[in-house]
């Protein structure tokens, strides 16, 4: 009986405690939510001081840049956008305010794993910028990936504000735009292309892409994407003059072949040159090693590995195409040598002007080592052609 009374008493106490907790929660929860909302509003005001009150936007019905994770509309117009982007690391979280006129009111980094700290103050340089002039903001030398990632995220925020406001923006990446253009030109490729390393000097062509299923090629000429099939027929509707030029280019592509040259019988072939091939038309293709930071660096991050590159050149000594095949340079700096924006600068160069390229910011050793390797192409061509 005594045990039964104790159970009843304990049950009553628990019920009373539950009631009191519920009552307390009903009183405090609105206060907690109000304080949390005020804190969140205060955080948004950091990047949009004139924004007033903010309301979170449901993003489910919008197609926004992939970096956008949250957005808040300001009571006086404009938005605050939260973004997750990549710099040197892959987890840089930014907050960016955009006013009703489409200008940046503020930008700040909430968290990151960047190593140099530039992301902490870089947002100040973007205040007042719009979609038209964000690119004019200087990228910081030595922190290219961090500041480029920051700048690109702010561009995404600006585009997101336009979309949220009812406007239209093409948010496709350059890669997506390229692949769509290639697919439209040659549908039979089913959207799968690979860059074709140009070993022939093609007229009015800056790049060639081969369909992975071998149904043809797409030649990039200015802003035009011109398809040819596997037998060299021009499939894209173009003028007769352009068709004649592209037909000639097509035959060069289809008939291209390379044969390795034994260079052991030649004197003074530079050590950078590992293999040499001759094309059916008499051009040369070189496999080279460049001594970048991985070899000549002076820190614990040096890899001990050379940069591997491939260069095609005419027998007259003009570079047709250049490509980085392998590199293990310092991340965030020298590894930019693997970007087409760097190595394609050598296309069309001759011995007199090959050095007139934009170097990699913060990676002088990598840049100089790469240029030295390219210079050996001209030296070797002269040896092979008997004019050295």
Protein backbone atom coordinates (compact mmCIF):
# COMPACT_ATOMS: atom_id res chain seq x y z
CA UNK A 1 0.00 0.00 0.00
CA UNK A 2 2.82 2.35 0.91
CA UNK A 3 4.52 1.53 -2.45
CA UNK A 4 1.27 2.25 -4.32
CA UNK A 5 0.94 5.67 -2.67
CA UNK A 6 4.52 6.52 -3.62
CA UNK A 7 3.83 5.69 -7.26
CA UNK A 8 0.73 7.89 -7.26
CA UNK A 9 2.63 10.75 -5.65
CA UNK A 10 5.48 10.45 -8.15
CA UNK A 11 3.01 10.39 -11.04
CA UNK A 12 1.28 13.52 -9.79
CA UNK A 13 4.59 15.31 -9.37
CA UNK A 14 5.69 14.38 -12.90
CA UNK A 15 2.38 15.56 -14.31
CA UNK A 16 2.70 18.88 -12.46
CA UNK A 17 6.27 19.31 -13.68
CA UNK A 18 5.17 18.60 -17.26
CA UNK A 19 2.39 21.17 -16.98
CA UNK A 20 4.75 23.75 -15.53
CA UNK A 21 7.34 23.08 -18.25
CA UNK A 22 4.70 23.40 -20.93
CA UNK A 23 3.50 26.64 -19.39
CA UNK A 24 7.06 27.94 -19.15
CA UNK A 25 7.75 26.94 -22.73
CA UNK A 26 4.60 28.68 -23.94
CA UNK A 27 5.84 31.86 -22.30
CA UNK A 28 9.53 31.64 -23.22
CA UNK A 29 9.36 30.09 -26.71
CA UNK A 30 8.00 33.24 -28.39
CA UNK A 31 10.71 35.24 -26.63
CA UNK A 32 13.39 32.79 -27.77
CA UNK A 33 12.09 32.90 -31.34
CA UNK A 34 11.90 36.68 -31.21
CA UNK A 35 15.48 36.96 -29.94
CA UNK A 36 16.70 34.43 -32.54
CA UNK A 37 14.95 36.38 -35.28
CA UNK A 38 16.50 39.60 -34.00
CA UNK A 39 19.96 38.03 -34.00
CA UNK A 40 19.44 36.70 -37.52
CA UNK A 41 18.16 40.09 -38.66
CA UNK A 42 21.22 41.74 -37.10
CA UNK A 43 23.52 39.37 -39.01
CA UNK A 44 21.78 40.26 -42.26
CA UNK A 45 22.09 43.97 -41.49
CA UNK A 46 25.87 43.56 -41.43
CA UNK A 47 25.87 43.16 -45.22
CA UNK A 48 22.72 45.22 -45.87
CA UNK A 49 22.61 48.00 -43.26
CA UNK A 50 19.63 49.74 -44.90
CA UNK A 51 17.66 46.55 -45.47
CA UNK A 52 15.19 46.97 -42.61
CA UNK A 53 13.46 43.72 -41.73
CA UNK A 54 14.14 40.51 -43.63
CA UNK A 55 12.00 37.57 -44.68
CA UNK A 56 13.49 34.25 -45.72
CA UNK A 57 12.65 33.29 -49.30
CA UNK A 58 11.48 29.80 -50.25
CA UNK A 59 13.98 28.89 -52.97
CA UNK A 60 12.26 25.69 -54.09
CA UNK A 61 10.50 27.36 -57.02
CA UNK A 62 13.58 29.15 -58.38
CA UNK A 63 16.47 27.95 -60.52
CA UNK A 64 19.45 29.66 -58.92
CA UNK A 65 23.25 29.30 -59.07
CA UNK A 66 24.41 26.17 -57.24
CA UNK A 67 26.35 28.24 -54.71
CA UNK A 68 23.18 29.86 -53.30
CA UNK A 69 21.98 28.16 -50.09
CA UNK A 70 19.66 30.79 -48.54
CA UNK A 71 18.13 34.12 -49.48
CA UNK A 72 16.27 36.83 -47.58
CA UNK A 73 14.19 39.64 -49.02
CA UNK A 74 14.66 43.10 -47.47
CA UNK A 75 11.64 45.21 -46.51
CA UNK A 76 12.98 48.18 -48.50
CA UNK A 77 13.88 46.12 -51.59
CA UNK A 78 16.86 43.96 -52.44
CA UNK A 79 18.12 40.73 -50.95
CA UNK A 80 20.72 39.12 -48.75
CA UNK A 81 22.10 35.89 -50.21
CA UNK A 82 24.04 33.20 -48.37
CA UNK A 83 26.45 31.15 -50.48
CA UNK A 84 28.71 28.13 -50.18
CA UNK A 85 31.63 28.34 -52.59
CA UNK A 86 35.16 27.10 -53.17
CA UNK A 87 38.39 29.02 -52.84
CA UNK A 88 41.61 27.25 -51.91
CA UNK A 89 39.31 24.98 -49.90
CA UNK A 90 35.79 23.82 -50.70
CA UNK A 91 33.82 25.28 -47.82
CA UNK A 92 33.91 29.08 -47.96
CA UNK A 93 30.58 30.44 -46.64
CA UNK A 94 29.72 33.98 -47.67
CA UNK A 95 26.89 36.43 -47.07
CA UNK A 96 26.22 39.13 -49.65
CA UNK A 97 23.73 42.02 -49.62
CA UNK A 98 22.22 43.38 -52.85
CA UNK A 99 20.12 46.56 -52.88
CA UNK A 100 17.04 47.26 -54.98
CA UNK A 101 19.21 48.73 -57.75
CA UNK A 102 21.30 45.56 -58.09
CA UNK A 103 24.45 46.82 -56.35
CA UNK A 104 26.44 45.08 -53.62
CA UNK A 105 25.80 46.64 -50.21
CA UNK A 106 28.23 44.43 -48.36
CA UNK A 107 29.87 41.01 -48.39
CA UNK A 108 31.45 39.02 -45.61
CA UNK A 109 32.96 35.59 -45.09
CA UNK A 110 31.18 33.66 -42.31
CA UNK A 111 33.57 30.70 -42.31
CA UNK A 112 36.29 29.09 -44.41
CA UNK A 113 39.39 26.90 -44.37
CA UNK A 114 41.46 29.35 -46.45
CA UNK A 115 45.07 29.71 -45.35
CA UNK A 116 46.03 33.31 -46.18
CA UNK A 117 43.11 35.23 -44.67
CA UNK A 118 42.29 37.43 -47.67
CA UNK A 119 38.67 36.25 -47.59
CA UNK A 120 38.18 38.16 -44.32
CA UNK A 121 38.43 41.60 -45.94
CA UNK A 122 38.04 41.00 -49.68
CA UNK A 123 34.31 41.73 -49.52
CA UNK A 124 35.04 45.40 -48.83
CA UNK A 125 36.41 45.81 -52.36
CA UNK A 126 33.12 44.60 -53.87
CA UNK A 127 30.77 47.09 -52.23
CA UNK A 128 28.88 49.13 -54.82
CA UNK A 129 29.67 46.72 -57.66
CA UNK A 130 27.02 45.38 -60.05
CA UNK A 131 26.91 42.48 -62.52
CA UNK A 132 28.61 44.76 -65.06
CA UNK A 133 31.70 45.61 -63.04
CA UNK A 134 32.42 42.83 -60.53
CA UNK A 135 35.04 41.46 -62.92
CA UNK A 136 36.87 44.79 -62.74
CA UNK A 137 37.77 44.14 -59.09
CA UNK A 138 41.41 43.08 -58.85
CA UNK A 139 42.19 39.46 -58.01
CA UNK A 140 44.80 39.33 -55.26
CA UNK A 141 48.20 38.06 -56.36
CA UNK A 142 49.14 34.95 -54.40
CA UNK A 143 45.52 34.26 -53.46
CA UNK A 144 44.01 33.71 -56.88
CA UNK A 145 41.71 30.82 -56.00
CA UNK A 146 40.44 32.42 -52.81
CA UNK A 147 39.65 35.81 -54.30
CA UNK A 148 38.37 34.43 -57.62
CA UNK A 149 36.06 32.08 -55.70
CA UNK A 150 34.84 35.01 -53.60
CA UNK A 151 34.26 37.19 -56.66
CA UNK A 152 32.43 34.45 -58.54
CA UNK A 153 30.16 33.85 -55.55
CA UNK A 154 29.26 37.55 -55.41
CA UNK A 155 28.39 37.39 -59.12
CA UNK A 156 26.13 34.44 -58.28
CA UNK A 157 24.49 36.53 -55.54
CA UNK A 158 23.88 39.37 -57.99
CA UNK A 159 22.37 36.99 -60.52
CA UNK A 160 20.24 35.37 -57.83
CA UNK A 161 18.83 38.76 -56.82
CA UNK A 162 17.80 39.39 -60.43
CA UNK A 163 16.05 36.00 -60.65
CA UNK A 164 14.34 36.42 -57.27
CA UNK A 165 13.14 39.83 -58.43
CA UNK A 166 11.42 38.29 -61.46
CA UNK A 167 14.22 38.81 -63.99
CA UNK A 168 16.01 36.32 -66.21
CA UNK A 169 19.73 35.43 -66.15
CA UNK A 170 21.73 32.72 -67.89
CA UNK A 171 23.33 30.96 -64.93
CA UNK A 172 24.95 28.15 -66.91
CA UNK A 173 28.64 27.59 -66.35
CA UNK A 174 31.10 28.07 -69.21
CA UNK A 175 31.46 24.29 -69.38
CA UNK A 176 27.70 23.83 -69.67
CA UNK A 177 27.43 26.49 -72.37
CA UNK A 178 30.28 24.86 -74.33
CA UNK A 179 28.78 21.39 -74.10
CA UNK A 180 25.34 22.62 -75.17
CA UNK A 181 26.86 24.43 -78.15
CA UNK A 182 28.77 21.29 -79.15
CA UNK A 183 25.67 19.11 -78.75
CA UNK A 184 23.56 21.45 -80.85
CA UNK A 185 26.17 21.35 -83.62
CA UNK A 186 26.58 17.55 -83.58
CA UNK A 187 23.57 15.84 -81.93
CA UNK A 188 24.81 12.38 -82.93
CA UNK A 189 27.60 12.71 -80.34
CA UNK A 190 24.97 12.37 -77.61
CA UNK A 191 26.59 15.13 -75.57
CA UNK A 192 29.96 13.43 -75.10
CA UNK A 193 33.01 15.19 -76.50
CA UNK A 194 36.75 15.28 -75.87
CA UNK A 195 39.19 18.02 -76.90
CA UNK A 196 41.23 17.00 -79.96
CA UNK A 197 44.88 17.96 -79.62
CA UNK A 198 45.56 19.99 -82.75
CA UNK A 199 48.64 18.70 -84.55
CA UNK A 200 47.78 20.48 -87.78
CA UNK A 201 47.56 24.23 -88.39
CA UNK A 202 43.86 24.71 -89.15
CA UNK A 203 42.57 27.86 -90.83
CA UNK A 204 40.22 30.02 -88.74
CA UNK A 205 39.85 27.32 -86.07
CA UNK A 206 40.70 27.85 -82.40
CA UNK A 207 39.68 24.44 -81.05
CA UNK A 208 38.45 21.03 -82.17
CA UNK A 209 36.27 18.59 -80.20
CA UNK A 210 35.87 14.95 -81.14
CA UNK A 211 32.70 12.98 -80.45
CA UNK A 212 33.56 10.15 -78.08
CA UNK A 213 31.39 7.79 -80.15
CA UNK A 214 33.49 8.72 -83.24
CA UNK A 215 30.55 10.17 -85.20
CA UNK A 216 32.43 13.34 -86.06
CA UNK A 217 34.06 16.55 -84.88
CA UNK A 218 33.06 20.10 -84.01
CA UNK A 219 35.37 22.91 -85.11
CA UNK A 220 35.20 26.17 -83.17
CA UNK A 221 35.64 29.17 -85.46
CA UNK A 222 35.14 32.45 -83.64
CA UNK A 223 31.66 32.13 -82.10
CA UNK A 224 30.58 29.47 -84.61
CA UNK A 225 30.46 25.73 -83.91
CA UNK A 226 30.82 23.83 -87.18
CA UNK A 227 30.22 20.08 -87.30
CA UNK A 228 31.81 17.57 -89.65
CA UNK A 229 30.98 13.89 -89.87
CA UNK A 230 33.38 10.98 -89.81
CA UNK A 231 34.10 11.32 -93.53
CA UNK A 232 34.75 15.07 -93.49
CA UNK A 233 31.39 16.35 -94.73
CA UNK A 234 30.46 19.75 -93.29
CA UNK A 235 27.09 19.30 -91.56
CA UNK A 236 26.50 22.86 -90.35
CA UNK A 237 24.82 25.32 -92.69
CA UNK A 238 27.53 27.85 -93.63
CA UNK A 239 28.46 29.92 -96.67
CA UNK A 240 30.26 28.21 -99.55
CA UNK A 241 33.51 30.02 -98.74
CA UNK A 242 33.42 28.90 -95.11
CA UNK A 243 32.41 25.40 -96.18
CA UNK A 244 35.44 25.17 -98.46
CA UNK A 245 37.80 26.19 -95.66
CA UNK A 246 36.23 23.81 -93.15
CA UNK A 247 36.27 20.96 -95.67
CA UNK A 248 40.00 21.49 -96.10
CA UNK A 249 40.43 21.56 -92.30
CA UNK A 250 38.38 18.37 -92.05
CA UNK A 251 40.71 16.51 -94.37
CA UNK A 252 43.72 17.60 -92.33
CA UNK A 253 42.06 16.28 -89.19
CA UNK A 254 40.99 12.97 -90.72
CA UNK A 255 44.36 12.34 -92.35
CA UNK A 256 46.45 13.36 -89.37
CA UNK A 257 48.85 10.78 -88.01
CA UNK A 258 52.08 10.86 -86.03
CA UNK A 259 55.23 8.77 -86.13
CA UNK A 260 57.85 8.82 -83.40
CA UNK A 261 61.29 10.08 -84.39
CA UNK A 262 64.44 8.50 -83.00
CA UNK A 263 66.34 11.57 -81.84
CA UNK A 264 69.30 9.66 -80.44
CA UNK A 265 71.28 10.42 -83.59
CA UNK A 266 70.91 14.18 -83.21
CA UNK A 267 73.31 16.24 -81.13
CA UNK A 268 72.34 18.74 -78.47
CA UNK A 269 68.70 17.73 -78.12
CA UNK A 270 67.61 19.51 -74.87
CA UNK A 271 67.01 17.32 -71.83
CA UNK A 272 63.51 18.78 -71.50
CA UNK A 273 62.53 16.93 -74.70
CA UNK A 274 61.44 13.36 -73.93
CA UNK A 275 59.84 12.28 -77.20
CA UNK A 276 59.34 13.78 -80.65
CA UNK A 277 56.84 12.78 -83.33
CA UNK A 278 56.43 13.90 -86.94
CA UNK A 279 52.99 14.29 -88.48
CA UNK A 280 52.03 13.22 -91.98
CA UNK A 281 52.17 16.86 -93.07
CA UNK A 282 55.66 17.45 -91.63
CA UNK A 283 54.76 19.13 -88.33
CA UNK A 284 56.26 18.08 -85.01
CA UNK A 285 54.73 16.97 -81.72
CA UNK A 286 56.86 17.16 -78.56
CA UNK A 287 56.52 15.54 -75.17
CA UNK A 288 58.37 17.76 -72.70
CA UNK A 289 59.20 18.08 -69.02
CA UNK A 290 59.16 21.49 -67.37
CA UNK A 291 61.04 22.09 -64.13
CA UNK A 292 58.54 24.14 -62.17
CA UNK A 293 58.11 24.56 -58.43
CA UNK A 294 57.89 20.79 -58.02
CA UNK A 295 61.59 20.60 -58.96
CA UNK A 296 63.03 24.04 -58.28
CA UNK A 297 60.88 25.15 -55.36
CA UNK A 298 62.32 25.83 -51.94
CA UNK A 299 59.72 24.64 -49.47
CA UNK A 300 58.08 21.58 -47.96
CA UNK A 301 55.27 21.69 -50.52
CA UNK A 302 57.52 20.93 -53.50
CA UNK A 303 56.53 17.61 -55.03
CA UNK A 304 59.79 16.60 -56.67
CA UNK A 305 57.89 16.06 -59.92
CA UNK A 306 58.23 17.81 -63.26
CA UNK A 307 55.34 19.24 -65.27
CA UNK A 308 54.52 17.09 -68.30
CA UNK A 309 53.38 19.00 -71.38
CA UNK A 310 52.71 18.38 -75.05
CA UNK A 311 53.38 20.90 -77.82
CA UNK A 312 52.68 20.70 -81.55
CA UNK A 313 54.63 23.00 -83.86
CA UNK A 314 55.13 23.55 -87.56
CA UNK A 315 58.48 22.85 -89.19
CA UNK A 316 58.84 26.63 -89.53
CA UNK A 317 58.80 26.92 -85.73
CA UNK A 318 55.30 28.17 -84.89
CA UNK A 319 53.35 26.56 -82.08
CA UNK A 320 50.06 25.00 -83.19
CA UNK A 321 48.85 23.89 -79.78
CA UNK A 322 50.09 23.42 -76.23
CA UNK A 323 48.61 21.37 -73.40
CA UNK A 324 49.57 20.41 -69.85
CA UNK A 325 49.36 16.62 -69.52
CA UNK A 326 50.36 16.27 -65.85
CA UNK A 327 51.41 18.52 -63.00
CA UNK A 328 51.84 18.35 -59.24
CA UNK A 329 52.62 22.00 -58.56
CA UNK A 330 51.56 23.85 -55.42
CA UNK A 331 47.80 23.87 -54.90
CA UNK A 332 46.15 27.22 -55.35
CA UNK A 333 49.19 28.63 -57.14
CA UNK A 334 51.28 26.69 -59.67
CA UNK A 335 48.55 24.14 -60.37
CA UNK A 336 46.95 26.80 -62.56
CA UNK A 337 49.38 25.64 -65.27
CA UNK A 338 46.82 22.89 -65.93
CA UNK A 339 44.17 25.45 -66.90
CA UNK A 340 43.55 26.02 -70.64
CA UNK A 341 43.50 29.75 -69.93
CA UNK A 342 47.23 29.46 -69.18
CA UNK A 343 48.67 26.93 -71.61
CA UNK A 344 46.57 28.01 -74.61
CA UNK A 345 48.39 31.36 -74.50
CA UNK A 346 51.30 29.66 -76.27
CA UNK A 347 49.18 28.73 -79.31
CA UNK A 348 50.39 30.59 -82.39
CA UNK A 349 53.58 31.80 -80.71
CA UNK A 350 57.00 31.78 -82.36
CA UNK A 351 60.48 32.04 -80.88
CA UNK A 352 60.37 35.82 -80.91
CA UNK A 353 57.23 36.18 -78.79
CA UNK A 354 56.60 32.95 -76.87
CA UNK A 355 57.51 34.69 -73.62
CA UNK A 356 54.80 37.30 -74.05
CA UNK A 357 52.17 35.50 -72.01
CA UNK A 358 50.46 36.33 -68.73
CA UNK A 359 52.23 34.44 -65.97
CA UNK A 360 50.52 32.60 -63.14
CA UNK A 361 49.91 34.96 -60.24
CA UNK A 362 52.05 33.96 -57.27
CA UNK A 363 53.79 31.15 -59.19
CA UNK A 364 56.82 32.67 -60.88
CA UNK A 365 58.91 29.49 -60.65
CA UNK A 366 56.17 27.44 -62.30
CA UNK A 367 55.66 30.02 -65.05
CA UNK A 368 59.36 30.39 -65.82
CA UNK A 369 59.93 26.63 -65.82
CA UNK A 370 57.04 26.16 -68.23
CA UNK A 371 58.28 28.89 -70.58
CA UNK A 372 61.78 27.39 -70.55
CA UNK A 373 60.37 24.01 -71.63
CA UNK A 374 58.38 25.65 -74.44
CA UNK A 375 61.54 27.44 -75.63
CA UNK A 376 63.15 24.04 -76.22
CA UNK A 377 60.57 23.39 -78.94
CA UNK A 378 62.05 26.11 -81.13
CA UNK A 379 65.58 24.93 -80.38
CA UNK A 380 64.74 21.33 -81.26
CA UNK A 381 62.85 22.17 -84.46
CA UNK A 382 65.97 23.95 -85.73
CA UNK A 383 68.08 20.88 -84.95
CA UNK A 384 65.66 18.51 -86.67
CA UNK A 385 65.33 20.79 -89.70
CA UNK A 386 69.10 21.16 -89.94
CA UNK A 387 69.13 24.93 -89.42
CA UNK A 388 70.51 25.08 -85.87
